[in-house]
Amino acid sequence: MLYHQLTQEERYLIAGGRRLLRSQRELAEELGRAPSTISREVRRNVTPHDGGYRGEKAHGYAVASGLAQVRKLEAGTMAEQRMKLPS
């Protein structure tokens, strides 16, 4: 099964749907996603002080996490290349 990250637009729709008190199952159906995807997204990105979900912040966290993973992969590749260099 192919995995696609949530888009910024989908995160805004989740935030709006939550403000309108729509269920996660309704949001999942509207977005063509599994209910577990919506549940996981909300659980990971609610704010601790008020339990609100903010699509803009959630997307920022996702982008930052992706960039960190890319940097980690690049660092690993550079380390491998250094190990292969003749002394």
PDB file of N, CA and C in Angstrom:
ATOM      1  N   MET A   1       0.847  -1.183   0.000  1.00  0.00           N
ATOM      2  CA  MET A   1       0.000   0.000   0.000  1.00  0.00           C
ATOM      3  C   MET A   1       0.890   1.242   0.000  1.00  0.00           C
ATOM      4  N   LEU A   2       0.553   2.187  -0.815  1.00  0.00           N
ATOM      5  CA  LEU A   2       1.338   3.405  -0.945  1.00  0.00           C
ATOM      6  C   LEU A   2       0.907   4.434   0.087  1.00  0.00           C
ATOM      7  N   TYR A   3       1.867   5.049   0.739  1.00  0.00           N
ATOM      8  CA  TYR A   3       1.580   6.030   1.779  1.00  0.00           C
ATOM      9  C   TYR A   3       1.838   7.426   1.239  1.00  0.00           C
ATOM     10  N   HIS A   4       0.899   8.318   1.484  1.00  0.00           N
ATOM     11  CA  HIS A   4       1.058   9.723   1.108  1.00  0.00           C
ATOM     12  C   HIS A   4       0.831  10.576   2.344  1.00  0.00           C
ATOM     13  N   GLN A   5       1.751  11.498   2.590  1.00  0.00           N
ATOM     14  CA  GLN A   5       1.592  12.389   3.734  1.00  0.00           C
ATOM     15  C   GLN A   5       0.389  13.290   3.531  1.00  0.00           C
ATOM     16  N   LEU A   6      -0.168  13.739   4.651  1.00  0.00           N
ATOM     17  CA  LEU A   6      -1.257  14.701   4.580  1.00  0.00           C
ATOM     18  C   LEU A   6      -0.723  16.007   4.000  1.00  0.00           C
ATOM     19  N   THR A   7      -1.540  16.647   3.202  1.00  0.00           N
ATOM     20  CA  THR A   7      -1.146  17.933   2.628  1.00  0.00           C
ATOM     21  C   THR A   7      -1.536  19.051   3.585  1.00  0.00           C
ATOM     22  N   GLN A   8      -1.020  20.229   3.314  1.00  0.00           N
ATOM     23  CA  GLN A   8      -1.364  21.383   4.135  1.00  0.00           C
ATOM     24  C   GLN A   8      -2.874  21.637   4.059  1.00  0.00           C
ATOM     25  N   GLU A   9      -3.443  21.502   2.871  1.00  0.00           N
ATOM     26  CA  GLU A   9      -4.884  21.711   2.705  1.00  0.00           C
ATOM     27  C   GLU A   9      -5.690  20.709   3.540  1.00  0.00           C
ATOM     28  N   GLU A  10      -5.258  19.450   3.543  1.00  0.00           N
ATOM     29  CA  GLU A  10      -5.965  18.445   4.339  1.00  0.00           C
ATOM     30  C   GLU A  10      -5.893  18.778   5.825  1.00  0.00           C
ATOM     31  N   ARG A  11      -4.744  19.272   6.260  1.00  0.00           N
ATOM     32  CA  ARG A  11      -4.612  19.641   7.677  1.00  0.00           C
ATOM     33  C   ARG A  11      -5.525  20.816   8.025  1.00  0.00           C
ATOM     34  N   TYR A  12      -5.673  21.784   7.113  1.00  0.00           N
ATOM     35  CA  TYR A  12      -6.596  22.896   7.343  1.00  0.00           C
ATOM     36  C   TYR A  12      -8.035  22.385   7.402  1.00  0.00           C
ATOM     37  N   LEU A  13      -8.375  21.427   6.537  1.00  0.00           N
ATOM     38  CA  LEU A  13      -9.725  20.868   6.554  1.00  0.00           C
ATOM     39  C   LEU A  13      -9.998  20.100   7.849  1.00  0.00           C
ATOM     40  N   ILE A  14      -8.997  19.407   8.360  1.00  0.00           N
ATOM     41  CA  ILE A  14      -9.143  18.701   9.643  1.00  0.00           C
ATOM     42  C   ILE A  14      -9.393  19.723  10.754  1.00  0.00           C
ATOM     43  N   ALA A  15      -8.609  20.785  10.765  1.00  0.00           N
ATOM     44  CA  ALA A  15      -8.771  21.815  11.797  1.00  0.00           C
ATOM     45  C   ALA A  15     -10.168  22.433  11.726  1.00  0.00           C
ATOM     46  N   GLY A  16     -10.618  22.757  10.516  1.00  0.00           N
ATOM     47  CA  GLY A  16     -11.944  23.338  10.359  1.00  0.00           C
ATOM     48  C   GLY A  16     -13.043  22.373  10.755  1.00  0.00           C
ATOM     49  N   GLY A  17     -12.896  21.127  10.382  1.00  0.00           N
ATOM     50  CA  GLY A  17     -13.876  20.115  10.745  1.00  0.00           C
ATOM     51  C   GLY A  17     -13.973  19.912  12.242  1.00  0.00           C
ATOM     52  N   ARG A  18     -12.839  19.960  12.912  1.00  0.00           N
ATOM     53  CA  ARG A  18     -12.856  19.836  14.375  1.00  0.00           C
ATOM     54  C   ARG A  18     -13.561  21.017  15.019  1.00  0.00           C
ATOM     55  N   ARG A  19     -13.346  22.214  14.460  1.00  0.00           N
ATOM     56  CA  ARG A  19     -14.046  23.395  15.003  1.00  0.00           C
ATOM     57  C   ARG A  19     -15.555  23.275  14.827  1.00  0.00           C
ATOM     58  N   LEU A  20     -15.970  22.586  13.754  1.00  0.00           N
ATOM     59  CA  LEU A  20     -17.401  22.378  13.500  1.00  0.00           C
ATOM     60  C   LEU A  20     -17.932  21.119  14.193  1.00  0.00           C
ATOM     61  N   LEU A  21     -17.085  20.510  15.038  1.00  0.00           N
ATOM     62  CA  LEU A  21     -17.437  19.331  15.832  1.00  0.00           C
ATOM     63  C   LEU A  21     -17.797  18.122  14.971  1.00  0.00           C
ATOM     64  N   ARG A  22     -17.158  18.003  13.817  1.00  0.00           N
ATOM     65  CA  ARG A  22     -17.350  16.836  12.954  1.00  0.00           C
ATOM     66  C   ARG A  22     -16.509  15.688  13.482  1.00  0.00           C
ATOM     67  N   SER A  23     -16.992  14.489  13.313  1.00  0.00           N
ATOM     68  CA  SER A  23     -16.268  13.323  13.831  1.00  0.00           C
ATOM     69  C   SER A  23     -15.041  13.038  12.953  1.00  0.00           C
ATOM     70  N   GLN A  24     -14.089  12.337  13.533  1.00  0.00           N
ATOM     71  CA  GLN A  24     -12.890  11.964  12.781  1.00  0.00           C
ATOM     72  C   GLN A  24     -13.258  11.041  11.626  1.00  0.00           C
ATOM     73  N   ARG A  25     -14.266  10.220  11.820  1.00  0.00           N
ATOM     74  CA  ARG A  25     -14.713   9.311  10.764  1.00  0.00           C
ATOM     75  C   ARG A  25     -15.297  10.109   9.590  1.00  0.00           C
ATOM     76  N   GLU A  26     -16.071  11.148   9.884  1.00  0.00           N
ATOM     77  CA  GLU A  26     -16.623  12.003   8.824  1.00  0.00           C
ATOM     78  C   GLU A  26     -15.502  12.701   8.056  1.00  0.00           C
ATOM     79  N   LEU A  27     -14.526  13.221   8.794  1.00  0.00           N
ATOM     80  CA  LEU A  27     -13.400  13.906   8.156  1.00  0.00           C
ATOM     81  C   LEU A  27     -12.616  12.939   7.278  1.00  0.00           C
ATOM     82  N   ALA A  28     -12.402  11.732   7.778  1.00  0.00           N
ATOM     83  CA  ALA A  28     -11.656  10.736   7.015  1.00  0.00           C
ATOM     84  C   ALA A  28     -12.374  10.405   5.712  1.00  0.00           C
ATOM     85  N   GLU A  29     -13.677  10.241   5.796  1.00  0.00           N
ATOM     86  CA  GLU A  29     -14.454   9.916   4.597  1.00  0.00           C
ATOM     87  C   GLU A  29     -14.376  11.058   3.582  1.00  0.00           C
ATOM     88  N   GLU A  30     -14.505  12.281   4.063  1.00  0.00           N
ATOM     89  CA  GLU A  30     -14.443  13.446   3.176  1.00  0.00           C
ATOM     90  C   GLU A  30     -13.086  13.567   2.484  1.00  0.00           C
ATOM     91  N   LEU A  31     -12.021  13.244   3.217  1.00  0.00           N
ATOM     92  CA  LEU A  31     -10.668  13.387   2.681  1.00  0.00           C
ATOM     93  C   LEU A  31     -10.184  12.134   1.940  1.00  0.00           C
ATOM     94  N   GLY A  32     -10.957  11.068   2.011  1.00  0.00           N
ATOM     95  CA  GLY A  32     -10.529   9.829   1.371  1.00  0.00           C
ATOM     96  C   GLY A  32      -9.368   9.185   2.104  1.00  0.00           C
ATOM     97  N   ARG A  33      -9.354   9.325   3.402  1.00  0.00           N
ATOM     98  CA  ARG A  33      -8.295   8.768   4.260  1.00  0.00           C
ATOM     99  C   ARG A  33      -8.896   7.778   5.237  1.00  0.00           C
ATOM    100  N   ALA A  34      -8.046   6.964   5.822  1.00  0.00           N
ATOM    101  CA  ALA A  34      -8.492   6.046   6.861  1.00  0.00           C
ATOM    102  C   ALA A  34      -8.765   6.837   8.144  1.00  0.00           C
ATOM    103  N   PRO A  35      -9.790   6.455   8.898  1.00  0.00           N
ATOM    104  CA  PRO A  35     -10.046   7.137  10.173  1.00  0.00           C
ATOM    105  C   PRO A  35      -8.828   7.122  11.098  1.00  0.00           C
ATOM    106  N   SER A  36      -8.041   6.052  11.041  1.00  0.00           N
ATOM    107  CA  SER A  36      -6.850   5.979  11.898  1.00  0.00           C
ATOM    108  C   SER A  36      -5.827   7.052  11.526  1.00  0.00           C
ATOM    109  N   THR A  37      -5.773   7.442  10.257  1.00  0.00           N
ATOM    110  CA  THR A  37      -4.852   8.502   9.828  1.00  0.00           C
ATOM    111  C   THR A  37      -5.232   9.821  10.479  1.00  0.00           C
ATOM    112  N   ILE A  38      -6.522  10.115  10.488  1.00  0.00           N
ATOM    113  CA  ILE A  38      -7.001  11.361  11.093  1.00  0.00           C
ATOM    114  C   ILE A  38      -6.769  11.326  12.598  1.00  0.00           C
ATOM    115  N   SER A  39      -7.093  10.191  13.212  1.00  0.00           N
ATOM    116  CA  SER A  39      -6.905  10.038  14.651  1.00  0.00           C
ATOM    117  C   SER A  39      -5.442  10.246  15.045  1.00  0.00           C
ATOM    118  N   ARG A  40      -4.546   9.623  14.299  1.00  0.00           N
ATOM    119  CA  ARG A  40      -3.110   9.728  14.590  1.00  0.00           C
ATOM    120  C   ARG A  40      -2.626  11.166  14.408  1.00  0.00           C
ATOM    121  N   GLU A  41      -3.061  11.819  13.332  1.00  0.00           N
ATOM    122  CA  GLU A  41      -2.669  13.205  13.060  1.00  0.00           C
ATOM    123  C   GLU A  41      -3.113  14.129  14.192  1.00  0.00           C
ATOM    124  N   VAL A  42      -4.361  13.967  14.624  1.00  0.00           N
ATOM    125  CA  VAL A  42      -4.884  14.824  15.684  1.00  0.00           C
ATOM    126  C   VAL A  42      -4.162  14.537  16.996  1.00  0.00           C
ATOM    127  N   ARG A  43      -3.981  13.266  17.320  1.00  0.00           N
ATOM    128  CA  ARG A  43      -3.318  12.887  18.572  1.00  0.00           C
ATOM    129  C   ARG A  43      -1.895  13.447  18.641  1.00  0.00           C
ATOM    130  N   ARG A  44      -1.191  13.431  17.512  1.00  0.00           N
ATOM    131  CA  ARG A  44       0.197  13.910  17.494  1.00  0.00           C
ATOM    132  C   ARG A  44       0.305  15.425  17.578  1.00  0.00           C
ATOM    133  N   ASN A  45      -0.758  16.129  17.172  1.00  0.00           N
ATOM    134  CA  ASN A  45      -0.619  17.575  16.998  1.00  0.00           C
ATOM    135  C   ASN A  45      -1.593  18.442  17.774  1.00  0.00           C
ATOM    136  N   VAL A  46      -2.279  17.897  18.771  1.00  0.00           N
ATOM    137  CA  VAL A  46      -3.121  18.755  19.596  1.00  0.00           C
ATOM    138  C   VAL A  46      -2.236  19.532  20.561  1.00  0.00           C
ATOM    139  N   THR A  47      -2.687  20.731  20.902  1.00  0.00           N
ATOM    140  CA  THR A  47      -1.913  21.533  21.846  1.00  0.00           C
ATOM    141  C   THR A  47      -2.263  21.101  23.267  1.00  0.00           C
ATOM    142  N   PRO A  48      -1.268  21.000  24.132  1.00  0.00           N
ATOM    143  CA  PRO A  48      -1.521  20.488  25.474  1.00  0.00           C
ATOM    144  C   PRO A  48      -2.386  21.424  26.331  1.00  0.00           C
ATOM    145  N   HIS A  49      -2.305  22.724  26.107  1.00  0.00           N
ATOM    146  CA  HIS A  49      -3.025  23.633  26.999  1.00  0.00           C
ATOM    147  C   HIS A  49      -4.518  23.720  26.721  1.00  0.00           C
ATOM    148  N   ASP A  50      -4.949  23.494  25.475  1.00  0.00           N
ATOM    149  CA  ASP A  50      -6.390  23.580  25.200  1.00  0.00           C
ATOM    150  C   ASP A  50      -6.934  22.424  24.370  1.00  0.00           C
ATOM    151  N   GLY A  51      -6.076  21.503  23.952  1.00  0.00           N
ATOM    152  CA  GLY A  51      -6.527  20.354  23.181  1.00  0.00           C
ATOM    153  C   GLY A  51      -6.930  20.683  21.761  1.00  0.00           C
ATOM    154  N   GLY A  52      -6.600  21.888  21.298  1.00  0.00           N
ATOM    155  CA  GLY A  52      -6.954  22.298  19.942  1.00  0.00           C
ATOM    156  C   GLY A  52      -5.970  21.766  18.913  1.00  0.00           C
ATOM    157  N   TYR A  53      -6.470  21.578  17.705  1.00  0.00           N
ATOM    158  CA  TYR A  53      -5.633  21.142  16.592  1.00  0.00           C
ATOM    159  C   TYR A  53      -5.491  22.315  15.642  1.00  0.00           C
ATOM    160  N   ARG A  54      -4.261  22.679  15.330  1.00  0.00           N
ATOM    161  CA  ARG A  54      -4.004  23.788  14.429  1.00  0.00           C
ATOM    162  C   ARG A  54      -3.266  23.269  13.198  1.00  0.00           C
ATOM    163  N   GLY A  55      -3.950  23.324  12.063  1.00  0.00           N
ATOM    164  CA  GLY A  55      -3.415  22.769  10.834  1.00  0.00           C
ATOM    165  C   GLY A  55      -2.096  23.390  10.418  1.00  0.00           C
ATOM    166  N   GLU A  56      -1.966  24.709  10.596  1.00  0.00           N
ATOM    167  CA  GLU A  56      -0.737  25.391  10.196  1.00  0.00           C
ATOM    168  C   GLU A  56       0.460  24.899  11.003  1.00  0.00           C
ATOM    169  N   LYS A  57       0.280  24.798  12.318  1.00  0.00           N
ATOM    170  CA  LYS A  57       1.372  24.304  13.173  1.00  0.00           C
ATOM    171  C   LYS A  57       1.686  22.840  12.865  1.00  0.00           C
ATOM    172  N   ALA A  58       0.642  22.041  12.678  1.00  0.00           N
ATOM    173  CA  ALA A  58       0.847  20.627  12.386  1.00  0.00           C
ATOM    174  C   ALA A  58       1.637  20.457  11.101  1.00  0.00           C
ATOM    175  N   HIS A  59       1.318  21.253  10.088  1.00  0.00           N
ATOM    176  CA  HIS A  59       2.044  21.144   8.827  1.00  0.00           C
ATOM    177  C   HIS A  59       3.495  21.596   9.007  1.00  0.00           C
ATOM    178  N   GLY A  60       3.698  22.643   9.782  1.00  0.00           N
ATOM    179  CA  GLY A  60       5.062  23.103  10.066  1.00  0.00           C
ATOM    180  C   GLY A  60       5.894  22.026  10.742  1.00  0.00           C
ATOM    181  N   TYR A  61       5.271  21.320  11.697  1.00  0.00           N
ATOM    182  CA  TYR A  61       5.977  20.234  12.378  1.00  0.00           C
ATOM    183  C   TYR A  61       6.321  19.117  11.396  1.00  0.00           C
ATOM    184  N   ALA A  62       5.386  18.789  10.505  1.00  0.00           N
ATOM    185  CA  ALA A  62       5.610  17.717   9.532  1.00  0.00           C
ATOM    186  C   ALA A  62       6.742  18.079   8.580  1.00  0.00           C
ATOM    187  N   VAL A  63       6.760  19.322   8.114  1.00  0.00           N
ATOM    188  CA  VAL A  63       7.816  19.763   7.202  1.00  0.00           C
ATOM    189  C   VAL A  63       9.168  19.728   7.916  1.00  0.00           C
ATOM    190  N   ALA A  64       9.198  20.233   9.146  1.00  0.00           N
ATOM    191  CA  ALA A  64      10.448  20.243   9.912  1.00  0.00           C
ATOM    192  C   ALA A  64      10.940  18.821  10.157  1.00  0.00           C
ATOM    193  N   SER A  65      10.041  17.920  10.466  1.00  0.00           N
ATOM    194  CA  SER A  65      10.419  16.530  10.703  1.00  0.00           C
ATOM    195  C   SER A  65      10.991  15.907   9.432  1.00  0.00           C
ATOM    196  N   GLY A  66      10.383  16.198   8.305  1.00  0.00           N
ATOM    197  CA  GLY A  66      10.884  15.683   7.033  1.00  0.00           C
ATOM    198  C   GLY A  66      12.259  16.209   6.711  1.00  0.00           C
ATOM    199  N   LEU A  67      12.480  17.495   6.980  1.00  0.00           N
ATOM    200  CA  LEU A  67      13.799  18.086   6.730  1.00  0.00           C
ATOM    201  C   LEU A  67      14.858  17.473   7.633  1.00  0.00           C
ATOM    202  N   ALA A  68      14.481  17.206   8.879  1.00  0.00           N
ATOM    203  CA  ALA A  68      15.425  16.586   9.808  1.00  0.00           C
ATOM    204  C   ALA A  68      15.808  15.191   9.329  1.00  0.00           C
ATOM    205  N   GLN A  69      14.836  14.448   8.794  1.00  0.00           N
ATOM    206  CA  GLN A  69      15.128  13.110   8.286  1.00  0.00           C
ATOM    207  C   GLN A  69      16.059  13.171   7.084  1.00  0.00           C
ATOM    208  N   VAL A  70      15.847  14.150   6.206  1.00  0.00           N
ATOM    209  CA  VAL A  70      16.711  14.310   5.035  1.00  0.00           C
ATOM    210  C   VAL A  70      18.131  14.621   5.486  1.00  0.00           C
ATOM    211  N   ARG A  71      18.268  15.533   6.448  1.00  0.00           N
ATOM    212  CA  ARG A  71      19.605  15.876   6.952  1.00  0.00           C
ATOM    213  C   ARG A  71      20.288  14.664   7.567  1.00  0.00           C
ATOM    214  N   LYS A  72      19.525  13.868   8.291  1.00  0.00           N
ATOM    215  CA  LYS A  72      20.084  12.672   8.915  1.00  0.00           C
ATOM    216  C   LYS A  72      20.569  11.691   7.845  1.00  0.00           C
ATOM    217  N   LEU A  73      19.768  11.509   6.798  1.00  0.00           N
ATOM    218  CA  LEU A  73      20.170  10.620   5.707  1.00  0.00           C
ATOM    219  C   LEU A  73      21.413  11.145   4.998  1.00  0.00           C
ATOM    220  N   GLU A  74      21.450  12.455   4.754  1.00  0.00           N
ATOM    221  CA  GLU A  74      22.610  13.050   4.089  1.00  0.00           C
ATOM    222  C   GLU A  74      23.864  12.882   4.941  1.00  0.00           C
ATOM    223  N   ALA A  75      23.731  13.064   6.245  1.00  0.00           N
ATOM    224  CA  ALA A  75      24.880  12.908   7.140  1.00  0.00           C
ATOM    225  C   ALA A  75      25.385  11.471   7.108  1.00  0.00           C
ATOM    226  N   GLY A  76      24.474  10.512   7.085  1.00  0.00           N
ATOM    227  CA  GLY A  76      24.861   9.104   7.013  1.00  0.00           C
ATOM    228  C   GLY A  76      25.572   8.783   5.718  1.00  0.00           C
ATOM    229  N   THR A  77      25.094   9.346   4.605  1.00  0.00           N
ATOM    230  CA  THR A  77      25.721   9.127   3.300  1.00  0.00           C
ATOM    231  C   THR A  77      27.118   9.729   3.280  1.00  0.00           C
ATOM    232  N   MET A  78      27.260  10.917   3.848  1.00  0.00           N
ATOM    233  CA  MET A  78      28.578  11.559   3.871  1.00  0.00           C
ATOM    234  C   MET A  78      29.560  10.757   4.718  1.00  0.00           C
ATOM    235  N   ALA A  79      29.069  10.199   5.835  1.00  0.00           N
ATOM    236  CA  ALA A  79      29.932   9.384   6.695  1.00  0.00           C
ATOM    237  C   ALA A  79      30.385   8.115   5.954  1.00  0.00           C
ATOM    238  N   GLU A  80      29.455   7.511   5.211  1.00  0.00           N
ATOM    239  CA  GLU A  80      29.809   6.314   4.434  1.00  0.00           C
ATOM    240  C   GLU A  80      30.869   6.649   3.376  1.00  0.00           C
ATOM    241  N   GLN A  81      30.729   7.801   2.740  1.00  0.00           N
ATOM    242  CA  GLN A  81      31.671   8.203   1.717  1.00  0.00           C
ATOM    243  C   GLN A  81      33.055   8.436   2.329  1.00  0.00           C
ATOM    244  N   ARG A  82      33.109   9.022   3.516  1.00  0.00           N
ATOM    245  CA  ARG A  82      34.388   9.261   4.181  1.00  0.00           C
ATOM    246  C   ARG A  82      35.080   7.940   4.510  1.00  0.00           C
ATOM    247  N   MET A  83      34.272   6.936   4.883  1.00  0.00           N
ATOM    248  CA  MET A  83      34.852   5.639   5.260  1.00  0.00           C
ATOM    249  C   MET A  83      35.435   4.940   4.040  1.00  0.00           C
ATOM    250  N   LYS A  84      34.928   5.224   2.846  1.00  0.00           N
ATOM    251  CA  LYS A  84      35.401   4.574   1.628  1.00  0.00           C
ATOM    252  C   LYS A  84      36.616   5.251   1.021  1.00  0.00           C
ATOM    253  N   LEU A  85      36.931   6.454   1.472  1.00  0.00           N
ATOM    254  CA  LEU A  85      38.082   7.164   0.916  1.00  0.00           C
ATOM    255  C   LEU A  85      39.381   6.459   1.277  1.00  0.00           C
ATOM    256  N   PRO A  86      40.299   6.336   0.326  1.00  0.00           N
ATOM    257  CA  PRO A  86      41.596   5.708   0.647  1.00  0.00           C
ATOM    258  C   PRO A  86      42.407   6.616   1.570  1.00  0.00           C
ATOM    259  N   SER A  87      43.119   6.002   2.466  1.00  0.00           N
ATOM    260  CA  SER A  87      43.921   6.774   3.436  1.00  0.00           C
ATOM    261  C   SER A  87      45.275   7.121   2.889  1.00  0.00           C
TER     262      SER A  87
END
